[in-house]
Amino acid sequence: MSASQPHVLVVTSSANPESSTSSQIAFRIADSFGGADQVRDLSQGVSLLDANWIAHRGKTPADYDEDAREAFAESDALIAELQAADVIVIAAPMYNFSIPAALKAWIDQVARPRVTFAYSENGPEGLLKGKKVYVALSSDGVPAGSPMDFTTAYLRHVLGFVGLDDVTFISADAKMKNPEALQRALTAADAVSLPRAA
């Protein structure tokens, strides 16, 4: 990872990107690194897994046939964005206690055996290593980390499963009860930076 000029990927998932709190926080995080180099707006659409995808699951580009290339065209593009990034910023609004359907579809597309994770005699190993991840979390009524928050633990687990285990959450949570939540999150976003090399 380059400490001076990291490649920053922002993934947004709000159904209403024009006034999205999570996206606002995410782009402020990206601005701390000089701005986003790549933006993936999941509100523009991401495919659900289908029978063709499942049938070829486990194939890598080295053993693709024409059907596999077609099945994984979108998945390969999304994974390539992750592989190219040094810093990944995920905007995750909380919908009904969990993540938006579009974000779950994106996770399903990028969690690929032998591509972003592999099984060995020691168990699963994530293959997307050496990257910093920020999650910009927003919720109207649910406090982050509460028993009703099914977003934080899930994202931390599934990101770690593919090797993205350096994850920081910046949350504007329970906004209806805490009017200062957004400003607090934006202040935290402005303060982020890459760790200094030892």
N, C-alpha and C. Protein backbone atom coordinates (compact mmCIF):
# COMPACT_ATOMS: atom_id res chain seq x y z
N MET A 1 0.84 -1.19 0.00
CA MET A 1 0.00 0.00 0.00
C MET A 1 0.87 1.24 0.00
N SER A 2 0.57 2.16 -0.87
CA SER A 2 1.31 3.41 -0.91
C SER A 2 0.75 4.38 0.12
N ALA A 3 1.60 4.83 1.06
CA ALA A 3 1.13 5.74 2.10
C ALA A 3 0.92 7.13 1.55
N SER A 4 1.56 7.47 0.44
CA SER A 4 1.46 8.83 -0.08
C SER A 4 0.24 9.01 -0.97
N GLN A 5 -0.04 8.06 -1.84
CA GLN A 5 -1.15 8.20 -2.76
C GLN A 5 -1.88 6.88 -2.94
N PRO A 6 -2.69 6.49 -1.98
CA PRO A 6 -3.40 5.22 -2.09
C PRO A 6 -4.50 5.30 -3.14
N HIS A 7 -4.79 4.16 -3.75
CA HIS A 7 -5.90 4.06 -4.69
C HIS A 7 -7.16 3.80 -3.88
N VAL A 8 -8.15 4.68 -3.99
CA VAL A 8 -9.33 4.64 -3.13
C VAL A 8 -10.56 4.22 -3.93
N LEU A 9 -11.20 3.15 -3.48
CA LEU A 9 -12.46 2.69 -4.05
C LEU A 9 -13.58 3.02 -3.07
N VAL A 10 -14.64 3.68 -3.57
CA VAL A 10 -15.83 3.94 -2.76
C VAL A 10 -16.98 3.11 -3.32
N VAL A 11 -17.62 2.35 -2.45
CA VAL A 11 -18.78 1.53 -2.81
C VAL A 11 -19.98 2.10 -2.07
N THR A 12 -20.97 2.61 -2.81
CA THR A 12 -22.17 3.15 -2.18
C THR A 12 -23.34 2.21 -2.43
N SER A 13 -24.29 2.19 -1.48
CA SER A 13 -25.37 1.21 -1.61
C SER A 13 -26.74 1.77 -1.25
N SER A 14 -26.83 3.07 -1.03
CA SER A 14 -28.11 3.66 -0.68
C SER A 14 -29.06 3.64 -1.87
N ALA A 15 -30.34 3.38 -1.59
CA ALA A 15 -31.36 3.45 -2.64
C ALA A 15 -31.67 4.88 -3.02
N ASN A 16 -31.20 5.83 -2.22
CA ASN A 16 -31.46 7.25 -2.47
C ASN A 16 -30.13 8.01 -2.41
N PRO A 17 -29.27 7.82 -3.42
CA PRO A 17 -27.91 8.38 -3.34
C PRO A 17 -27.86 9.90 -3.27
N GLU A 18 -28.91 10.58 -3.74
CA GLU A 18 -28.90 12.04 -3.75
C GLU A 18 -28.80 12.62 -2.34
N SER A 19 -29.41 11.94 -1.36
CA SER A 19 -29.41 12.48 0.01
C SER A 19 -28.98 11.43 1.02
N SER A 20 -28.04 10.61 0.64
CA SER A 20 -27.60 9.49 1.47
C SER A 20 -26.60 9.94 2.53
N THR A 21 -26.93 9.69 3.79
CA THR A 21 -26.00 9.98 4.89
C THR A 21 -24.75 9.11 4.80
N SER A 22 -24.93 7.83 4.53
CA SER A 22 -23.77 6.93 4.47
C SER A 22 -22.83 7.33 3.34
N SER A 23 -23.38 7.73 2.20
CA SER A 23 -22.54 8.16 1.08
C SER A 23 -21.80 9.45 1.40
N GLN A 24 -22.48 10.37 2.09
CA GLN A 24 -21.83 11.62 2.48
C GLN A 24 -20.62 11.35 3.35
N ILE A 25 -20.78 10.45 4.30
CA ILE A 25 -19.66 10.09 5.17
C ILE A 25 -18.56 9.40 4.37
N ALA A 26 -18.96 8.48 3.48
CA ALA A 26 -17.98 7.72 2.70
C ALA A 26 -17.11 8.64 1.85
N PHE A 27 -17.71 9.61 1.21
CA PHE A 27 -16.92 10.51 0.36
C PHE A 27 -16.05 11.45 1.19
N ARG A 28 -16.47 11.77 2.40
CA ARG A 28 -15.60 12.56 3.28
C ARG A 28 -14.39 11.73 3.70
N ILE A 29 -14.60 10.44 3.93
CA ILE A 29 -13.45 9.57 4.23
C ILE A 29 -12.51 9.54 3.03
N ALA A 30 -13.07 9.37 1.83
CA ALA A 30 -12.23 9.34 0.62
C ALA A 30 -11.47 10.65 0.45
N ASP A 31 -12.10 11.77 0.77
CA ASP A 31 -11.44 13.07 0.64
C ASP A 31 -10.20 13.17 1.52
N SER A 32 -10.19 12.43 2.63
CA SER A 32 -9.02 12.43 3.52
C SER A 32 -7.80 11.82 2.84
N PHE A 33 -8.04 11.05 1.78
CA PHE A 33 -6.95 10.43 1.02
C PHE A 33 -6.78 11.06 -0.36
N GLY A 34 -7.41 12.21 -0.57
CA GLY A 34 -7.29 12.89 -1.85
C GLY A 34 -8.43 12.64 -2.80
N GLY A 35 -9.47 11.94 -2.34
CA GLY A 35 -10.65 11.69 -3.17
C GLY A 35 -10.71 10.26 -3.68
N ALA A 36 -11.87 9.92 -4.23
CA ALA A 36 -12.10 8.56 -4.75
C ALA A 36 -11.50 8.42 -6.14
N ASP A 37 -10.77 7.34 -6.36
CA ASP A 37 -10.25 7.01 -7.69
C ASP A 37 -11.27 6.19 -8.47
N GLN A 38 -12.11 5.45 -7.76
CA GLN A 38 -13.12 4.60 -8.39
C GLN A 38 -14.36 4.64 -7.51
N VAL A 39 -15.53 4.79 -8.12
CA VAL A 39 -16.80 4.77 -7.39
C VAL A 39 -17.68 3.68 -7.99
N ARG A 40 -18.18 2.82 -7.14
CA ARG A 40 -19.13 1.79 -7.56
C ARG A 40 -20.45 2.09 -6.85
N ASP A 41 -21.43 2.61 -7.61
CA ASP A 41 -22.74 2.95 -7.07
C ASP A 41 -23.67 1.77 -7.29
N LEU A 42 -23.95 1.05 -6.22
CA LEU A 42 -24.75 -0.17 -6.35
C LEU A 42 -26.22 0.12 -6.61
N SER A 43 -26.65 1.37 -6.43
CA SER A 43 -28.03 1.71 -6.77
C SER A 43 -28.27 1.64 -8.27
N GLN A 44 -27.18 1.63 -9.04
CA GLN A 44 -27.29 1.50 -10.50
C GLN A 44 -27.50 0.06 -10.93
N GLY A 45 -27.43 -0.85 -9.97
CA GLY A 45 -27.72 -2.26 -10.27
C GLY A 45 -26.54 -3.17 -10.07
N VAL A 46 -26.79 -4.30 -9.47
CA VAL A 46 -25.81 -5.37 -9.34
C VAL A 46 -26.61 -6.68 -9.40
N SER A 47 -26.11 -7.62 -10.16
CA SER A 47 -26.88 -8.83 -10.44
C SER A 47 -26.91 -9.78 -9.24
N LEU A 48 -28.04 -10.44 -9.08
CA LEU A 48 -28.12 -11.53 -8.13
C LEU A 48 -27.46 -12.77 -8.71
N LEU A 49 -27.01 -13.66 -7.85
CA LEU A 49 -26.46 -14.91 -8.34
C LEU A 49 -27.55 -15.72 -9.02
N ASP A 50 -27.16 -16.42 -10.09
CA ASP A 50 -28.12 -17.25 -10.81
C ASP A 50 -27.54 -18.66 -10.98
N ALA A 51 -28.30 -19.51 -11.66
CA ALA A 51 -27.89 -20.91 -11.80
C ALA A 51 -26.59 -21.03 -12.58
N ASN A 52 -26.38 -20.18 -13.57
CA ASN A 52 -25.15 -20.24 -14.36
C ASN A 52 -23.94 -19.88 -13.50
N TRP A 53 -24.09 -18.87 -12.64
CA TRP A 53 -23.01 -18.47 -11.72
C TRP A 53 -22.66 -19.63 -10.79
N ILE A 54 -23.70 -20.21 -10.19
CA ILE A 54 -23.47 -21.30 -9.25
C ILE A 54 -22.84 -22.51 -9.93
N ALA A 55 -23.25 -22.77 -11.17
CA ALA A 55 -22.73 -23.93 -11.89
C ALA A 55 -21.22 -23.84 -12.12
N HIS A 56 -20.70 -22.60 -12.23
CA HIS A 56 -19.28 -22.42 -12.50
C HIS A 56 -18.50 -21.96 -11.27
N ARG A 57 -19.15 -21.95 -10.13
CA ARG A 57 -18.51 -21.48 -8.90
C ARG A 57 -17.24 -22.29 -8.64
N GLY A 58 -16.19 -21.59 -8.31
CA GLY A 58 -14.93 -22.25 -8.04
C GLY A 58 -13.96 -22.20 -9.20
N LYS A 59 -14.43 -21.80 -10.40
CA LYS A 59 -13.52 -21.65 -11.53
C LYS A 59 -12.79 -20.31 -11.43
N THR A 60 -11.55 -20.32 -11.85
CA THR A 60 -10.76 -19.10 -11.93
C THR A 60 -10.56 -18.73 -13.39
N PRO A 61 -10.13 -17.50 -13.69
CA PRO A 61 -9.91 -17.13 -15.10
C PRO A 61 -9.02 -18.10 -15.86
N ALA A 62 -8.14 -18.79 -15.16
CA ALA A 62 -7.23 -19.72 -15.83
C ALA A 62 -7.97 -20.91 -16.44
N ASP A 63 -9.15 -21.27 -15.90
CA ASP A 63 -9.86 -22.42 -16.46
C ASP A 63 -11.28 -22.05 -16.92
N TYR A 64 -11.46 -20.79 -17.32
CA TYR A 64 -12.75 -20.38 -17.86
C TYR A 64 -13.01 -21.01 -19.22
N ASP A 65 -14.27 -21.37 -19.49
CA ASP A 65 -14.73 -21.57 -20.85
C ASP A 65 -15.65 -20.40 -21.17
N GLU A 66 -16.28 -20.42 -22.33
CA GLU A 66 -17.10 -19.28 -22.74
C GLU A 66 -18.26 -19.04 -21.77
N ASP A 67 -18.88 -20.11 -21.29
CA ASP A 67 -19.99 -19.98 -20.35
C ASP A 67 -19.52 -19.36 -19.04
N ALA A 68 -18.37 -19.77 -18.56
CA ALA A 68 -17.84 -19.22 -17.31
C ALA A 68 -17.50 -17.74 -17.46
N ARG A 69 -16.91 -17.37 -18.60
CA ARG A 69 -16.60 -15.96 -18.83
C ARG A 69 -17.87 -15.11 -18.79
N GLU A 70 -18.93 -15.63 -19.37
CA GLU A 70 -20.20 -14.91 -19.35
C GLU A 70 -20.77 -14.85 -17.94
N ALA A 71 -20.69 -15.96 -17.22
CA ALA A 71 -21.25 -16.03 -15.87
C ALA A 71 -20.55 -15.07 -14.92
N PHE A 72 -19.24 -14.91 -15.10
CA PHE A 72 -18.45 -14.16 -14.13
C PHE A 72 -18.00 -12.78 -14.62
N ALA A 73 -18.53 -12.30 -15.73
CA ALA A 73 -18.09 -11.01 -16.26
C ALA A 73 -18.26 -9.90 -15.22
N GLU A 74 -19.43 -9.84 -14.62
CA GLU A 74 -19.69 -8.79 -13.62
C GLU A 74 -18.87 -9.02 -12.36
N SER A 75 -18.85 -10.25 -11.89
CA SER A 75 -18.09 -10.59 -10.70
C SER A 75 -16.61 -10.25 -10.87
N ASP A 76 -16.04 -10.60 -12.02
CA ASP A 76 -14.62 -10.31 -12.27
C ASP A 76 -14.35 -8.81 -12.24
N ALA A 77 -15.26 -8.02 -12.81
CA ALA A 77 -15.08 -6.57 -12.82
C ALA A 77 -15.12 -6.00 -11.40
N LEU A 78 -16.05 -6.47 -10.59
CA LEU A 78 -16.16 -5.99 -9.22
C LEU A 78 -14.95 -6.41 -8.38
N ILE A 79 -14.48 -7.63 -8.58
CA ILE A 79 -13.31 -8.10 -7.85
C ILE A 79 -12.06 -7.34 -8.28
N ALA A 80 -11.94 -7.03 -9.56
CA ALA A 80 -10.79 -6.28 -10.05
C ALA A 80 -10.71 -4.91 -9.38
N GLU A 81 -11.87 -4.29 -9.13
CA GLU A 81 -11.88 -3.00 -8.43
C GLU A 81 -11.33 -3.15 -7.02
N LEU A 82 -11.72 -4.22 -6.34
CA LEU A 82 -11.20 -4.46 -4.99
C LEU A 82 -9.70 -4.74 -5.02
N GLN A 83 -9.26 -5.53 -5.98
CA GLN A 83 -7.84 -5.88 -6.05
C GLN A 83 -6.98 -4.66 -6.33
N ALA A 84 -7.50 -3.70 -7.09
CA ALA A 84 -6.74 -2.51 -7.44
C ALA A 84 -6.68 -1.49 -6.31
N ALA A 85 -7.57 -1.60 -5.34
CA ALA A 85 -7.70 -0.58 -4.30
C ALA A 85 -6.73 -0.81 -3.15
N ASP A 86 -6.22 0.29 -2.60
CA ASP A 86 -5.48 0.25 -1.34
C ASP A 86 -6.42 0.54 -0.17
N VAL A 87 -7.36 1.46 -0.40
CA VAL A 87 -8.34 1.84 0.60
C VAL A 87 -9.73 1.60 0.01
N ILE A 88 -10.57 0.90 0.74
CA ILE A 88 -11.93 0.59 0.31
C ILE A 88 -12.89 1.24 1.30
N VAL A 89 -13.78 2.07 0.80
CA VAL A 89 -14.76 2.75 1.65
C VAL A 89 -16.14 2.26 1.24
N ILE A 90 -16.85 1.65 2.17
CA ILE A 90 -18.17 1.08 1.89
C ILE A 90 -19.22 1.89 2.63
N ALA A 91 -20.14 2.47 1.88
CA ALA A 91 -21.26 3.19 2.48
C ALA A 91 -22.39 2.19 2.73
N ALA A 92 -22.77 2.04 3.99
CA ALA A 92 -23.72 0.99 4.37
C ALA A 92 -24.85 1.57 5.22
N PRO A 93 -25.92 2.04 4.58
CA PRO A 93 -27.08 2.42 5.38
C PRO A 93 -27.75 1.18 5.95
N MET A 94 -28.33 1.33 7.13
CA MET A 94 -28.98 0.19 7.77
C MET A 94 -30.46 0.18 7.38
N TYR A 95 -30.86 -0.87 6.67
CA TYR A 95 -32.25 -1.04 6.26
C TYR A 95 -32.84 -2.22 7.03
N ASN A 96 -33.85 -1.96 7.83
CA ASN A 96 -34.50 -3.05 8.58
C ASN A 96 -33.50 -3.91 9.33
N PHE A 97 -32.58 -3.22 10.02
CA PHE A 97 -31.60 -3.82 10.93
C PHE A 97 -30.39 -4.43 10.22
N SER A 98 -30.35 -4.42 8.89
CA SER A 98 -29.24 -5.06 8.18
C SER A 98 -28.85 -4.22 6.96
N ILE A 99 -28.10 -4.82 6.04
CA ILE A 99 -27.57 -4.08 4.89
C ILE A 99 -28.59 -4.06 3.75
N PRO A 100 -28.49 -3.09 2.83
CA PRO A 100 -29.36 -3.07 1.66
C PRO A 100 -29.16 -4.31 0.79
N ALA A 101 -30.21 -4.68 0.07
CA ALA A 101 -30.14 -5.85 -0.81
C ALA A 101 -29.03 -5.70 -1.84
N ALA A 102 -28.82 -4.48 -2.34
CA ALA A 102 -27.78 -4.27 -3.36
C ALA A 102 -26.40 -4.56 -2.80
N LEU A 103 -26.16 -4.20 -1.54
CA LEU A 103 -24.85 -4.47 -0.93
C LEU A 103 -24.66 -5.97 -0.71
N LYS A 104 -25.72 -6.66 -0.32
CA LYS A 104 -25.63 -8.12 -0.18
C LYS A 104 -25.35 -8.77 -1.53
N ALA A 105 -25.98 -8.28 -2.60
CA ALA A 105 -25.72 -8.83 -3.93
C ALA A 105 -24.27 -8.60 -4.34
N TRP A 106 -23.71 -7.44 -4.01
CA TRP A 106 -22.30 -7.15 -4.31
C TRP A 106 -21.39 -8.11 -3.55
N ILE A 107 -21.69 -8.33 -2.28
CA ILE A 107 -20.89 -9.27 -1.49
C ILE A 107 -20.94 -10.66 -2.11
N ASP A 108 -22.12 -11.09 -2.53
CA ASP A 108 -22.24 -12.41 -3.15
C ASP A 108 -21.42 -12.50 -4.43
N GLN A 109 -21.33 -11.40 -5.17
CA GLN A 109 -20.55 -11.39 -6.41
C GLN A 109 -19.04 -11.43 -6.16
N VAL A 110 -18.59 -10.82 -5.06
CA VAL A 110 -17.13 -10.72 -4.84
C VAL A 110 -16.58 -11.80 -3.91
N ALA A 111 -17.44 -12.53 -3.22
CA ALA A 111 -16.96 -13.63 -2.37
C ALA A 111 -16.90 -14.89 -3.21
N ARG A 112 -15.73 -15.16 -3.79
CA ARG A 112 -15.57 -16.25 -4.76
C ARG A 112 -14.48 -17.22 -4.33
N PRO A 113 -14.80 -18.50 -4.22
CA PRO A 113 -13.77 -19.49 -3.87
C PRO A 113 -12.68 -19.52 -4.93
N ARG A 114 -11.44 -19.63 -4.46
CA ARG A 114 -10.23 -19.68 -5.29
C ARG A 114 -9.91 -18.35 -5.95
N VAL A 115 -10.72 -17.32 -5.69
CA VAL A 115 -10.46 -16.00 -6.25
C VAL A 115 -10.27 -14.97 -5.13
N THR A 116 -11.22 -14.88 -4.21
CA THR A 116 -11.07 -13.96 -3.07
C THR A 116 -10.95 -14.71 -1.74
N PHE A 117 -11.18 -16.00 -1.74
CA PHE A 117 -10.88 -16.82 -0.57
C PHE A 117 -10.58 -18.24 -1.04
N ALA A 118 -9.88 -18.98 -0.20
CA ALA A 118 -9.53 -20.36 -0.54
C ALA A 118 -9.58 -21.20 0.72
N TYR A 119 -9.84 -22.47 0.54
CA TYR A 119 -9.83 -23.42 1.66
C TYR A 119 -8.52 -24.20 1.65
N SER A 120 -7.96 -24.37 2.82
CA SER A 120 -6.74 -25.16 2.98
C SER A 120 -6.93 -26.10 4.17
N GLU A 121 -5.88 -26.83 4.48
CA GLU A 121 -5.96 -27.75 5.62
C GLU A 121 -6.13 -26.99 6.93
N ASN A 122 -5.80 -25.68 6.90
CA ASN A 122 -5.96 -24.85 8.09
C ASN A 122 -7.28 -24.09 8.10
N GLY A 123 -8.14 -24.38 7.12
CA GLY A 123 -9.42 -23.67 7.07
C GLY A 123 -9.42 -22.60 6.00
N PRO A 124 -10.45 -21.74 5.98
CA PRO A 124 -10.54 -20.72 4.94
C PRO A 124 -9.50 -19.62 5.11
N GLU A 125 -9.03 -19.10 3.99
CA GLU A 125 -8.05 -18.02 3.99
C GLU A 125 -8.51 -16.95 3.01
N GLY A 126 -8.61 -15.71 3.47
CA GLY A 126 -8.96 -14.60 2.60
C GLY A 126 -7.79 -14.22 1.72
N LEU A 127 -8.07 -13.87 0.47
CA LEU A 127 -7.01 -13.57 -0.51
C LEU A 127 -6.89 -12.08 -0.83
N LEU A 128 -7.80 -11.26 -0.32
CA LEU A 128 -7.72 -9.80 -0.54
C LEU A 128 -7.05 -9.18 0.68
N LYS A 129 -5.73 -9.23 0.69
CA LYS A 129 -4.99 -8.82 1.89
C LYS A 129 -4.30 -7.48 1.69
N GLY A 130 -3.90 -6.88 2.81
CA GLY A 130 -3.10 -5.67 2.77
C GLY A 130 -3.85 -4.42 2.39
N LYS A 131 -5.15 -4.39 2.66
CA LYS A 131 -5.97 -3.24 2.31
C LYS A 131 -6.65 -2.68 3.56
N LYS A 132 -6.90 -1.38 3.54
CA LYS A 132 -7.61 -0.74 4.63
C LYS A 132 -9.06 -0.53 4.21
N VAL A 133 -10.00 -0.89 5.10
CA VAL A 133 -11.42 -0.74 4.80
C VAL A 133 -12.06 0.18 5.83
N TYR A 134 -12.85 1.10 5.34
CA TYR A 134 -13.72 1.91 6.19
C TYR A 134 -15.16 1.62 5.81
N VAL A 135 -16.00 1.47 6.81
CA VAL A 135 -17.44 1.32 6.58
C VAL A 135 -18.13 2.55 7.15
N ALA A 136 -18.83 3.28 6.28
CA ALA A 136 -19.62 4.44 6.69
C ALA A 136 -21.04 3.94 6.95
N LEU A 137 -21.37 3.78 8.22
CA LEU A 137 -22.65 3.20 8.62
C LEU A 137 -23.61 4.30 9.02
N SER A 138 -24.85 4.20 8.58
CA SER A 138 -25.88 5.15 9.02
C SER A 138 -27.14 4.38 9.39
N SER A 139 -27.84 4.92 10.40
CA SER A 139 -29.13 4.34 10.78
C SER A 139 -29.99 5.44 11.38
N ASP A 140 -31.28 5.31 11.22
CA ASP A 140 -32.19 6.30 11.79
C ASP A 140 -32.47 6.03 13.26
N GLY A 141 -32.72 4.77 13.61
CA GLY A 141 -33.14 4.49 14.97
C GLY A 141 -32.30 3.49 15.73
N VAL A 142 -31.50 2.69 15.02
CA VAL A 142 -30.77 1.58 15.67
C VAL A 142 -29.37 2.03 16.07
N PRO A 143 -29.00 1.92 17.33
CA PRO A 143 -27.63 2.22 17.74
C PRO A 143 -26.65 1.17 17.21
N ALA A 144 -25.53 1.62 16.68
CA ALA A 144 -24.50 0.69 16.21
C ALA A 144 -23.99 -0.16 17.37
N GLY A 145 -23.86 -1.45 17.12
CA GLY A 145 -23.37 -2.36 18.14
C GLY A 145 -24.42 -2.86 19.11
N SER A 146 -25.66 -2.43 18.93
CA SER A 146 -26.73 -2.88 19.80
C SER A 146 -27.23 -4.24 19.34
N PRO A 147 -28.04 -4.93 20.15
CA PRO A 147 -28.57 -6.23 19.74
C PRO A 147 -29.41 -6.17 18.47
N MET A 148 -29.90 -4.99 18.10
CA MET A 148 -30.69 -4.86 16.89
C MET A 148 -29.86 -4.58 15.65
N ASP A 149 -28.56 -4.38 15.83
CA ASP A 149 -27.66 -4.07 14.72
C ASP A 149 -27.10 -5.37 14.15
N PHE A 150 -27.66 -5.81 13.03
CA PHE A 150 -27.17 -7.02 12.36
C PHE A 150 -26.24 -6.68 11.20
N THR A 151 -25.89 -5.41 11.09
CA THR A 151 -25.02 -4.94 10.01
C THR A 151 -23.55 -5.04 10.37
N THR A 152 -23.19 -4.52 11.54
CA THR A 152 -21.78 -4.39 11.90
C THR A 152 -21.07 -5.74 11.98
N ALA A 153 -21.62 -6.66 12.73
CA ALA A 153 -20.96 -7.96 12.90
C ALA A 153 -20.89 -8.73 11.59
N TYR A 154 -21.96 -8.65 10.79
CA TYR A 154 -21.96 -9.36 9.52
C TYR A 154 -20.89 -8.82 8.59
N LEU A 155 -20.84 -7.49 8.43
CA LEU A 155 -19.85 -6.92 7.52
C LEU A 155 -18.43 -7.21 8.00
N ARG A 156 -18.19 -7.10 9.29
CA ARG A 156 -16.85 -7.38 9.80
C ARG A 156 -16.46 -8.83 9.51
N HIS A 157 -17.41 -9.76 9.68
CA HIS A 157 -17.11 -11.17 9.44
C HIS A 157 -16.89 -11.46 7.97
N VAL A 158 -17.80 -11.02 7.10
CA VAL A 158 -17.70 -11.39 5.69
C VAL A 158 -16.53 -10.69 5.02
N LEU A 159 -16.21 -9.47 5.41
CA LEU A 159 -15.04 -8.80 4.86
C LEU A 159 -13.77 -9.52 5.31
N GLY A 160 -13.71 -9.90 6.58
CA GLY A 160 -12.56 -10.65 7.06
C GLY A 160 -12.40 -11.99 6.37
N PHE A 161 -13.52 -12.60 6.00
CA PHE A 161 -13.48 -13.90 5.35
C PHE A 161 -12.74 -13.84 4.01
N VAL A 162 -12.83 -12.69 3.31
CA VAL A 162 -12.11 -12.56 2.03
C VAL A 162 -10.78 -11.83 2.20
N GLY A 163 -10.34 -11.68 3.46
CA GLY A 163 -9.02 -11.10 3.72
C GLY A 163 -9.02 -9.64 4.09
N LEU A 164 -10.18 -9.00 4.08
CA LEU A 164 -10.27 -7.57 4.41
C LEU A 164 -10.54 -7.45 5.91
N ASP A 165 -9.48 -7.64 6.70
CA ASP A 165 -9.67 -7.73 8.15
C ASP A 165 -9.26 -6.46 8.89
N ASP A 166 -8.80 -5.44 8.17
CA ASP A 166 -8.46 -4.16 8.79
C ASP A 166 -9.62 -3.20 8.51
N VAL A 167 -10.65 -3.27 9.35
CA VAL A 167 -11.91 -2.56 9.09
C VAL A 167 -12.20 -1.58 10.22
N THR A 168 -12.48 -0.35 9.85
CA THR A 168 -12.89 0.68 10.80
C THR A 168 -14.30 1.16 10.44
N PHE A 169 -15.18 1.18 11.41
CA PHE A 169 -16.54 1.68 11.22
C PHE A 169 -16.62 3.13 11.69
N ILE A 170 -17.20 3.96 10.86
CA ILE A 170 -17.52 5.34 11.25
C ILE A 170 -19.03 5.47 11.09
N SER A 171 -19.70 5.71 12.20
CA SER A 171 -21.16 5.57 12.22
C SER A 171 -21.88 6.86 12.57
N ALA A 172 -22.92 7.14 11.79
CA ALA A 172 -23.93 8.13 12.15
C ALA A 172 -25.18 7.32 12.46
N ASP A 173 -25.25 6.84 13.68
CA ASP A 173 -26.29 5.88 14.04
C ASP A 173 -27.34 6.51 14.96
N ALA A 174 -28.50 5.90 14.96
CA ALA A 174 -29.62 6.38 15.78
C ALA A 174 -29.83 7.88 15.60
N LYS A 175 -29.86 8.33 14.35
CA LYS A 175 -29.92 9.77 14.06
C LYS A 175 -31.19 10.43 14.59
N MET A 176 -32.28 9.70 14.65
CA MET A 176 -33.53 10.29 15.13
C MET A 176 -33.43 10.71 16.60
N LYS A 177 -32.61 9.99 17.36
CA LYS A 177 -32.43 10.33 18.77
C LYS A 177 -31.20 11.20 19.00
N ASN A 178 -30.28 11.18 18.05
CA ASN A 178 -29.01 11.90 18.21
C ASN A 178 -28.77 12.82 17.02
N PRO A 179 -29.27 14.05 17.08
CA PRO A 179 -29.12 14.98 15.96
C PRO A 179 -27.67 15.28 15.60
N GLU A 180 -26.76 15.08 16.58
CA GLU A 180 -25.35 15.38 16.33
C GLU A 180 -24.61 14.20 15.69
N ALA A 181 -25.31 13.09 15.43
CA ALA A 181 -24.64 11.88 14.96
C ALA A 181 -23.91 12.09 13.64
N LEU A 182 -24.54 12.77 12.70
CA LEU A 182 -23.90 12.97 11.40
C LEU A 182 -22.65 13.83 11.53
N GLN A 183 -22.74 14.93 12.26
CA GLN A 183 -21.58 15.79 12.40
C GLN A 183 -20.44 15.08 13.09
N ARG A 184 -20.78 14.26 14.07
CA ARG A 184 -19.76 13.47 14.77
C ARG A 184 -19.05 12.53 13.80
N ALA A 185 -19.84 11.89 12.92
CA ALA A 185 -19.26 10.96 11.94
C ALA A 185 -18.40 11.70 10.92
N LEU A 186 -18.86 12.88 10.47
CA LEU A 186 -18.08 13.65 9.50
C LEU A 186 -16.76 14.12 10.10
N THR A 187 -16.80 14.49 11.36
CA THR A 187 -15.56 14.88 12.04
C THR A 187 -14.59 13.71 12.11
N ALA A 188 -15.12 12.53 12.41
CA ALA A 188 -14.27 11.33 12.45
C ALA A 188 -13.74 11.01 11.06
N ALA A 189 -14.56 11.21 10.03
CA ALA A 189 -14.13 10.96 8.66
C ALA A 189 -12.99 11.88 8.26
N ASP A 190 -13.07 13.12 8.68
CA ASP A 190 -12.01 14.09 8.33
C ASP A 190 -10.68 13.74 8.99
N ALA A 191 -10.73 12.95 10.05
CA ALA A 191 -9.52 12.67 10.83
C ALA A 191 -8.82 11.38 10.42
N VAL A 192 -9.38 10.62 9.47
CA VAL A 192 -8.77 9.34 9.14
C VAL A 192 -7.48 9.53 8.35
N SER A 193 -6.61 8.58 8.46
CA SER A 193 -5.37 8.57 7.70
C SER A 193 -4.82 7.17 7.70
N LEU A 194 -3.92 6.89 6.78
CA LEU A 194 -3.27 5.59 6.76
C LEU A 194 -2.27 5.49 7.91
N PRO A 195 -2.11 4.30 8.47
CA PRO A 195 -1.10 4.14 9.53
C PRO A 195 0.29 4.39 8.99
N ARG A 196 1.12 4.98 9.84
CA ARG A 196 2.51 5.23 9.43
C ARG A 196 3.29 3.92 9.39
N ALA A 197 4.19 3.81 8.43
CA ALA A 197 5.04 2.62 8.32
C ALA A 197 5.98 2.58 9.53
N ALA A 198 6.22 1.36 10.01
CA ALA A 198 7.11 1.20 11.17
C ALA A 198 8.54 1.49 10.76
